[in-house]
Amino acid sequence: MSKPMTHKGYSARIEYSDEDGCFVGRVAGIRDMITFHGESVQDVRQAFEEAVDFYLASCSERGEAPNKPFTGRFMVRISPELHSAIAMAAKRNHKSINAWIAETCSNHAA
């Protein structure tokens, strides 16, 4: 099982580029685009950490709040009636409430 590369609460999404002959990555789960690259795992880890540190320092210098990484979790308050309707819809589709909501949101947000 692999663990994501993380630094100061930010996670990296990394792929290997045959075209460039190196690992290329971006910081995942935020709206701002932060990219980095390296020829080895050690290089790409260092580049990732430097990119995050530079991003945080740049935001601080501009007096802006950096994007916070999305966690994949959020809390929603709904009526008991809607909660019941969602539970029944999930059961009809042989899914958990969480899986049904994730699929429904994905279909409507994409």
N, C-alpha and C. Protein backbone atom coordinates (compact mmCIF):
# COMPACT_ATOMS: atom_id res chain seq x y z
N MET A 1 0.84 -1.18 0.00
CA MET A 1 0.00 0.00 0.00
C MET A 1 0.88 1.24 0.00
N SER A 2 0.55 2.19 -0.83
CA SER A 2 1.37 3.39 -0.92
C SER A 2 0.75 4.53 -0.12
N LYS A 3 1.59 5.37 0.41
CA LYS A 3 1.15 6.57 1.13
C LYS A 3 1.44 7.77 0.25
N PRO A 4 0.55 8.76 0.24
CA PRO A 4 0.83 9.95 -0.56
C PRO A 4 2.00 10.74 0.03
N MET A 5 2.71 11.43 -0.83
CA MET A 5 3.77 12.31 -0.40
C MET A 5 3.11 13.56 0.16
N THR A 6 3.43 13.93 1.41
CA THR A 6 2.81 15.09 2.03
C THR A 6 3.87 16.01 2.62
N HIS A 7 3.49 17.29 2.72
CA HIS A 7 4.36 18.29 3.33
C HIS A 7 3.48 19.43 3.82
N LYS A 8 3.55 19.71 5.11
CA LYS A 8 2.80 20.81 5.74
C LYS A 8 1.31 20.74 5.43
N GLY A 9 0.77 19.53 5.40
CA GLY A 9 -0.66 19.35 5.17
C GLY A 9 -1.07 19.27 3.71
N TYR A 10 -0.14 19.44 2.79
CA TYR A 10 -0.43 19.38 1.35
C TYR A 10 0.01 18.03 0.81
N SER A 11 -0.73 17.50 -0.16
CA SER A 11 -0.40 16.21 -0.77
C SER A 11 0.02 16.40 -2.21
N ALA A 12 0.91 15.51 -2.65
CA ALA A 12 1.41 15.56 -4.03
C ALA A 12 0.71 14.52 -4.89
N ARG A 13 0.46 14.87 -6.13
CA ARG A 13 0.00 13.92 -7.14
C ARG A 13 1.14 13.85 -8.16
N ILE A 14 1.75 12.68 -8.30
CA ILE A 14 2.97 12.54 -9.11
C ILE A 14 2.79 11.47 -10.16
N GLU A 15 3.28 11.76 -11.37
CA GLU A 15 3.28 10.80 -12.47
C GLU A 15 4.65 10.83 -13.12
N TYR A 16 4.95 9.78 -13.86
CA TYR A 16 6.21 9.76 -14.61
C TYR A 16 5.91 10.16 -16.05
N SER A 17 6.72 11.08 -16.60
CA SER A 17 6.57 11.54 -17.97
C SER A 17 7.67 10.94 -18.83
N ASP A 18 7.31 9.99 -19.73
CA ASP A 18 8.29 9.45 -20.67
C ASP A 18 8.83 10.55 -21.57
N GLU A 19 7.95 11.46 -21.96
CA GLU A 19 8.34 12.55 -22.86
C GLU A 19 9.43 13.42 -22.25
N ASP A 20 9.27 13.75 -20.96
CA ASP A 20 10.24 14.61 -20.29
C ASP A 20 11.35 13.82 -19.60
N GLY A 21 11.15 12.52 -19.41
CA GLY A 21 12.14 11.69 -18.75
C GLY A 21 12.31 12.00 -17.27
N CYS A 22 11.21 12.41 -16.63
CA CYS A 22 11.28 12.71 -15.20
C CYS A 22 9.90 12.58 -14.57
N PHE A 23 9.89 12.66 -13.26
CA PHE A 23 8.63 12.69 -12.52
C PHE A 23 8.09 14.12 -12.55
N VAL A 24 6.81 14.26 -12.80
CA VAL A 24 6.17 15.57 -12.75
C VAL A 24 5.03 15.49 -11.73
N GLY A 25 4.86 16.55 -11.00
CA GLY A 25 3.83 16.52 -9.97
C GLY A 25 3.14 17.85 -9.80
N ARG A 26 2.06 17.79 -9.06
CA ARG A 26 1.34 18.99 -8.68
C ARG A 26 0.79 18.78 -7.28
N VAL A 27 0.51 19.88 -6.61
CA VAL A 27 -0.11 19.80 -5.30
C VAL A 27 -1.59 19.52 -5.51
N ALA A 28 -2.08 18.47 -4.87
CA ALA A 28 -3.47 18.03 -5.07
C ALA A 28 -4.40 18.67 -4.06
N GLY A 29 -5.66 18.82 -4.47
CA GLY A 29 -6.70 19.23 -3.55
C GLY A 29 -6.80 20.71 -3.25
N ILE A 30 -6.16 21.56 -4.08
CA ILE A 30 -6.30 23.00 -3.91
C ILE A 30 -6.60 23.63 -5.26
N ARG A 31 -7.13 24.85 -5.23
CA ARG A 31 -7.48 25.54 -6.48
C ARG A 31 -6.25 26.11 -7.18
N ASP A 32 -5.27 26.60 -6.42
CA ASP A 32 -4.06 27.15 -7.04
C ASP A 32 -3.26 26.02 -7.69
N MET A 33 -2.55 26.36 -8.77
CA MET A 33 -1.75 25.36 -9.48
C MET A 33 -0.30 25.46 -9.02
N ILE A 34 0.18 24.44 -8.35
CA ILE A 34 1.57 24.36 -7.89
C ILE A 34 2.15 23.09 -8.50
N THR A 35 3.16 23.26 -9.34
CA THR A 35 3.77 22.11 -10.02
C THR A 35 5.25 22.01 -9.66
N PHE A 36 5.80 20.83 -9.91
CA PHE A 36 7.21 20.56 -9.61
C PHE A 36 7.63 19.33 -10.40
N HIS A 37 8.94 19.10 -10.48
CA HIS A 37 9.43 17.91 -11.18
C HIS A 37 10.79 17.50 -10.61
N GLY A 38 11.18 16.26 -10.90
CA GLY A 38 12.47 15.76 -10.47
C GLY A 38 12.79 14.46 -11.18
N GLU A 39 14.07 14.15 -11.29
CA GLU A 39 14.50 12.94 -12.00
C GLU A 39 14.45 11.68 -11.13
N SER A 40 14.45 11.85 -9.82
CA SER A 40 14.38 10.69 -8.91
C SER A 40 13.31 10.98 -7.86
N VAL A 41 12.99 9.95 -7.09
CA VAL A 41 12.02 10.14 -6.01
C VAL A 41 12.54 11.18 -5.03
N GLN A 42 13.82 11.10 -4.70
CA GLN A 42 14.40 12.08 -3.78
C GLN A 42 14.33 13.49 -4.37
N ASP A 43 14.63 13.63 -5.67
CA ASP A 43 14.56 14.95 -6.32
C ASP A 43 13.14 15.50 -6.32
N VAL A 44 12.17 14.64 -6.65
CA VAL A 44 10.79 15.12 -6.73
C VAL A 44 10.25 15.45 -5.34
N ARG A 45 10.67 14.70 -4.32
CA ARG A 45 10.26 15.03 -2.94
C ARG A 45 10.80 16.40 -2.54
N GLN A 46 12.08 16.65 -2.83
CA GLN A 46 12.68 17.94 -2.50
C GLN A 46 11.99 19.06 -3.27
N ALA A 47 11.72 18.84 -4.55
CA ALA A 47 11.05 19.86 -5.37
C ALA A 47 9.64 20.14 -4.85
N PHE A 48 8.93 19.09 -4.43
CA PHE A 48 7.59 19.24 -3.87
C PHE A 48 7.64 20.10 -2.61
N GLU A 49 8.54 19.76 -1.69
CA GLU A 49 8.64 20.51 -0.44
C GLU A 49 9.03 21.96 -0.70
N GLU A 50 9.95 22.19 -1.63
CA GLU A 50 10.35 23.55 -1.96
C GLU A 50 9.19 24.32 -2.59
N ALA A 51 8.41 23.66 -3.44
CA ALA A 51 7.27 24.32 -4.09
C ALA A 51 6.22 24.72 -3.05
N VAL A 52 5.93 23.84 -2.10
CA VAL A 52 4.96 24.16 -1.05
C VAL A 52 5.49 25.31 -0.19
N ASP A 53 6.75 25.24 0.21
CA ASP A 53 7.34 26.29 1.04
C ASP A 53 7.31 27.63 0.31
N PHE A 54 7.63 27.63 -0.99
CA PHE A 54 7.62 28.86 -1.79
C PHE A 54 6.20 29.41 -1.89
N TYR A 55 5.24 28.53 -2.12
CA TYR A 55 3.83 28.94 -2.21
C TYR A 55 3.38 29.61 -0.91
N LEU A 56 3.68 28.97 0.22
CA LEU A 56 3.27 29.53 1.51
C LEU A 56 3.95 30.87 1.79
N ALA A 57 5.24 30.97 1.46
CA ALA A 57 5.97 32.22 1.66
C ALA A 57 5.42 33.32 0.75
N SER A 58 5.11 32.97 -0.50
CA SER A 58 4.56 33.95 -1.45
C SER A 58 3.21 34.47 -0.98
N CYS A 59 2.37 33.57 -0.50
CA CYS A 59 1.06 33.99 0.02
C CYS A 59 1.24 34.93 1.21
N SER A 60 2.16 34.60 2.09
CA SER A 60 2.42 35.42 3.27
C SER A 60 2.91 36.80 2.87
N GLU A 61 3.82 36.87 1.91
CA GLU A 61 4.36 38.15 1.45
C GLU A 61 3.27 39.03 0.84
N ARG A 62 2.30 38.41 0.16
CA ARG A 62 1.21 39.17 -0.47
C ARG A 62 0.07 39.44 0.51
N GLY A 63 0.16 38.89 1.70
CA GLY A 63 -0.91 39.06 2.68
C GLY A 63 -2.17 38.28 2.33
N GLU A 64 -2.01 37.20 1.57
CA GLU A 64 -3.14 36.37 1.15
C GLU A 64 -3.12 35.05 1.92
N ALA A 65 -4.29 34.53 2.15
CA ALA A 65 -4.39 33.21 2.79
C ALA A 65 -4.16 32.13 1.74
N PRO A 66 -3.29 31.17 2.01
CA PRO A 66 -3.08 30.08 1.05
C PRO A 66 -4.31 29.19 0.98
N ASN A 67 -4.51 28.55 -0.17
CA ASN A 67 -5.59 27.57 -0.28
C ASN A 67 -5.35 26.46 0.74
N LYS A 68 -6.39 26.05 1.39
CA LYS A 68 -6.32 24.90 2.29
C LYS A 68 -6.66 23.65 1.48
N PRO A 69 -5.94 22.57 1.69
CA PRO A 69 -6.24 21.34 0.94
C PRO A 69 -7.64 20.82 1.28
N PHE A 70 -8.33 20.35 0.25
CA PHE A 70 -9.61 19.70 0.47
C PHE A 70 -9.33 18.32 1.06
N THR A 71 -10.15 17.92 2.02
CA THR A 71 -9.92 16.65 2.71
C THR A 71 -10.73 15.50 2.14
N GLY A 72 -11.76 15.83 1.37
CA GLY A 72 -12.65 14.78 0.88
C GLY A 72 -13.81 14.54 1.84
N ARG A 73 -13.89 15.35 2.86
CA ARG A 73 -14.98 15.24 3.83
C ARG A 73 -15.65 16.60 3.97
N PHE A 74 -16.98 16.58 4.10
CA PHE A 74 -17.70 17.80 4.44
C PHE A 74 -18.99 17.44 5.16
N MET A 75 -19.45 18.35 5.98
CA MET A 75 -20.64 18.12 6.79
C MET A 75 -21.80 18.90 6.15
N VAL A 76 -22.93 18.24 6.03
CA VAL A 76 -24.11 18.88 5.45
C VAL A 76 -25.27 18.69 6.43
N ARG A 77 -25.98 19.77 6.70
CA ARG A 77 -27.17 19.67 7.55
C ARG A 77 -28.39 19.60 6.64
N ILE A 78 -29.20 18.57 6.84
CA ILE A 78 -30.41 18.37 6.04
C ILE A 78 -31.55 17.99 6.97
N SER A 79 -32.75 18.08 6.45
CA SER A 79 -33.91 17.72 7.26
C SER A 79 -33.95 16.20 7.46
N PRO A 80 -34.60 15.75 8.52
CA PRO A 80 -34.75 14.31 8.72
C PRO A 80 -35.48 13.64 7.55
N GLU A 81 -36.42 14.36 6.94
CA GLU A 81 -37.16 13.80 5.81
C GLU A 81 -36.24 13.55 4.62
N LEU A 82 -35.36 14.53 4.34
CA LEU A 82 -34.42 14.35 3.23
C LEU A 82 -33.43 13.23 3.55
N HIS A 83 -32.99 13.17 4.79
CA HIS A 83 -32.08 12.11 5.21
C HIS A 83 -32.71 10.74 4.95
N SER A 84 -33.98 10.61 5.31
CA SER A 84 -34.71 9.36 5.08
C SER A 84 -34.82 9.05 3.60
N ALA A 85 -35.14 10.07 2.79
CA ALA A 85 -35.28 9.87 1.34
C ALA A 85 -33.95 9.43 0.73
N ILE A 86 -32.86 10.02 1.18
CA ILE A 86 -31.53 9.65 0.68
C ILE A 86 -31.21 8.21 1.07
N ALA A 87 -31.51 7.85 2.30
CA ALA A 87 -31.24 6.47 2.76
C ALA A 87 -32.03 5.47 1.92
N MET A 88 -33.28 5.80 1.61
CA MET A 88 -34.09 4.88 0.80
C MET A 88 -33.56 4.80 -0.64
N ALA A 89 -33.15 5.94 -1.21
CA ALA A 89 -32.60 5.94 -2.56
C ALA A 89 -31.31 5.12 -2.61
N ALA A 90 -30.48 5.27 -1.60
CA ALA A 90 -29.23 4.50 -1.55
C ALA A 90 -29.53 3.01 -1.46
N LYS A 91 -30.49 2.64 -0.62
CA LYS A 91 -30.85 1.23 -0.45
C LYS A 91 -31.39 0.65 -1.75
N ARG A 92 -32.24 1.42 -2.47
CA ARG A 92 -32.78 0.95 -3.76
C ARG A 92 -31.66 0.68 -4.76
N ASN A 93 -30.58 1.43 -4.65
CA ASN A 93 -29.45 1.29 -5.57
C ASN A 93 -28.35 0.39 -5.02
N HIS A 94 -28.63 -0.29 -3.91
CA HIS A 94 -27.68 -1.22 -3.28
C HIS A 94 -26.34 -0.53 -2.97
N LYS A 95 -26.44 0.67 -2.41
CA LYS A 95 -25.24 1.45 -2.06
C LYS A 95 -25.37 1.96 -0.64
N SER A 96 -24.24 2.32 -0.08
CA SER A 96 -24.27 3.01 1.21
C SER A 96 -24.71 4.45 0.94
N ILE A 97 -25.14 5.13 1.99
CA ILE A 97 -25.51 6.54 1.83
C ILE A 97 -24.32 7.32 1.30
N ASN A 98 -23.13 7.07 1.85
CA ASN A 98 -21.94 7.78 1.41
C ASN A 98 -21.66 7.55 -0.07
N ALA A 99 -21.71 6.30 -0.52
CA ALA A 99 -21.44 5.98 -1.93
C ALA A 99 -22.50 6.61 -2.83
N TRP A 100 -23.76 6.58 -2.41
CA TRP A 100 -24.84 7.16 -3.22
C TRP A 100 -24.67 8.67 -3.35
N ILE A 101 -24.36 9.35 -2.24
CA ILE A 101 -24.16 10.80 -2.28
C ILE A 101 -22.94 11.15 -3.13
N ALA A 102 -21.84 10.41 -2.97
CA ALA A 102 -20.64 10.68 -3.76
C ALA A 102 -20.92 10.53 -5.25
N GLU A 103 -21.64 9.47 -5.63
CA GLU A 103 -21.98 9.26 -7.04
C GLU A 103 -22.91 10.35 -7.56
N THR A 104 -23.91 10.71 -6.77
CA THR A 104 -24.86 11.75 -7.18
C THR A 104 -24.16 13.10 -7.33
N CYS A 105 -23.32 13.45 -6.38
CA CYS A 105 -22.57 14.70 -6.48
C CYS A 105 -21.64 14.69 -7.69
N SER A 106 -20.97 13.58 -7.92
CA SER A 106 -20.06 13.46 -9.05
C SER A 106 -20.80 13.64 -10.37
N ASN A 107 -21.99 13.07 -10.48
CA ASN A 107 -22.78 13.20 -11.70
C ASN A 107 -23.24 14.63 -11.95
N HIS A 108 -23.43 15.40 -10.90
CA HIS A 108 -23.96 16.75 -11.05
C HIS A 108 -22.89 17.84 -11.01
N ALA A 109 -21.74 17.55 -10.45
CA ALA A 109 -20.70 18.57 -10.32
C ALA A 109 -19.70 18.55 -11.46
N ALA A 110 -19.65 17.47 -12.19
CA ALA A 110 -18.63 17.33 -13.25
C ALA A 110 -18.97 18.10 -14.50
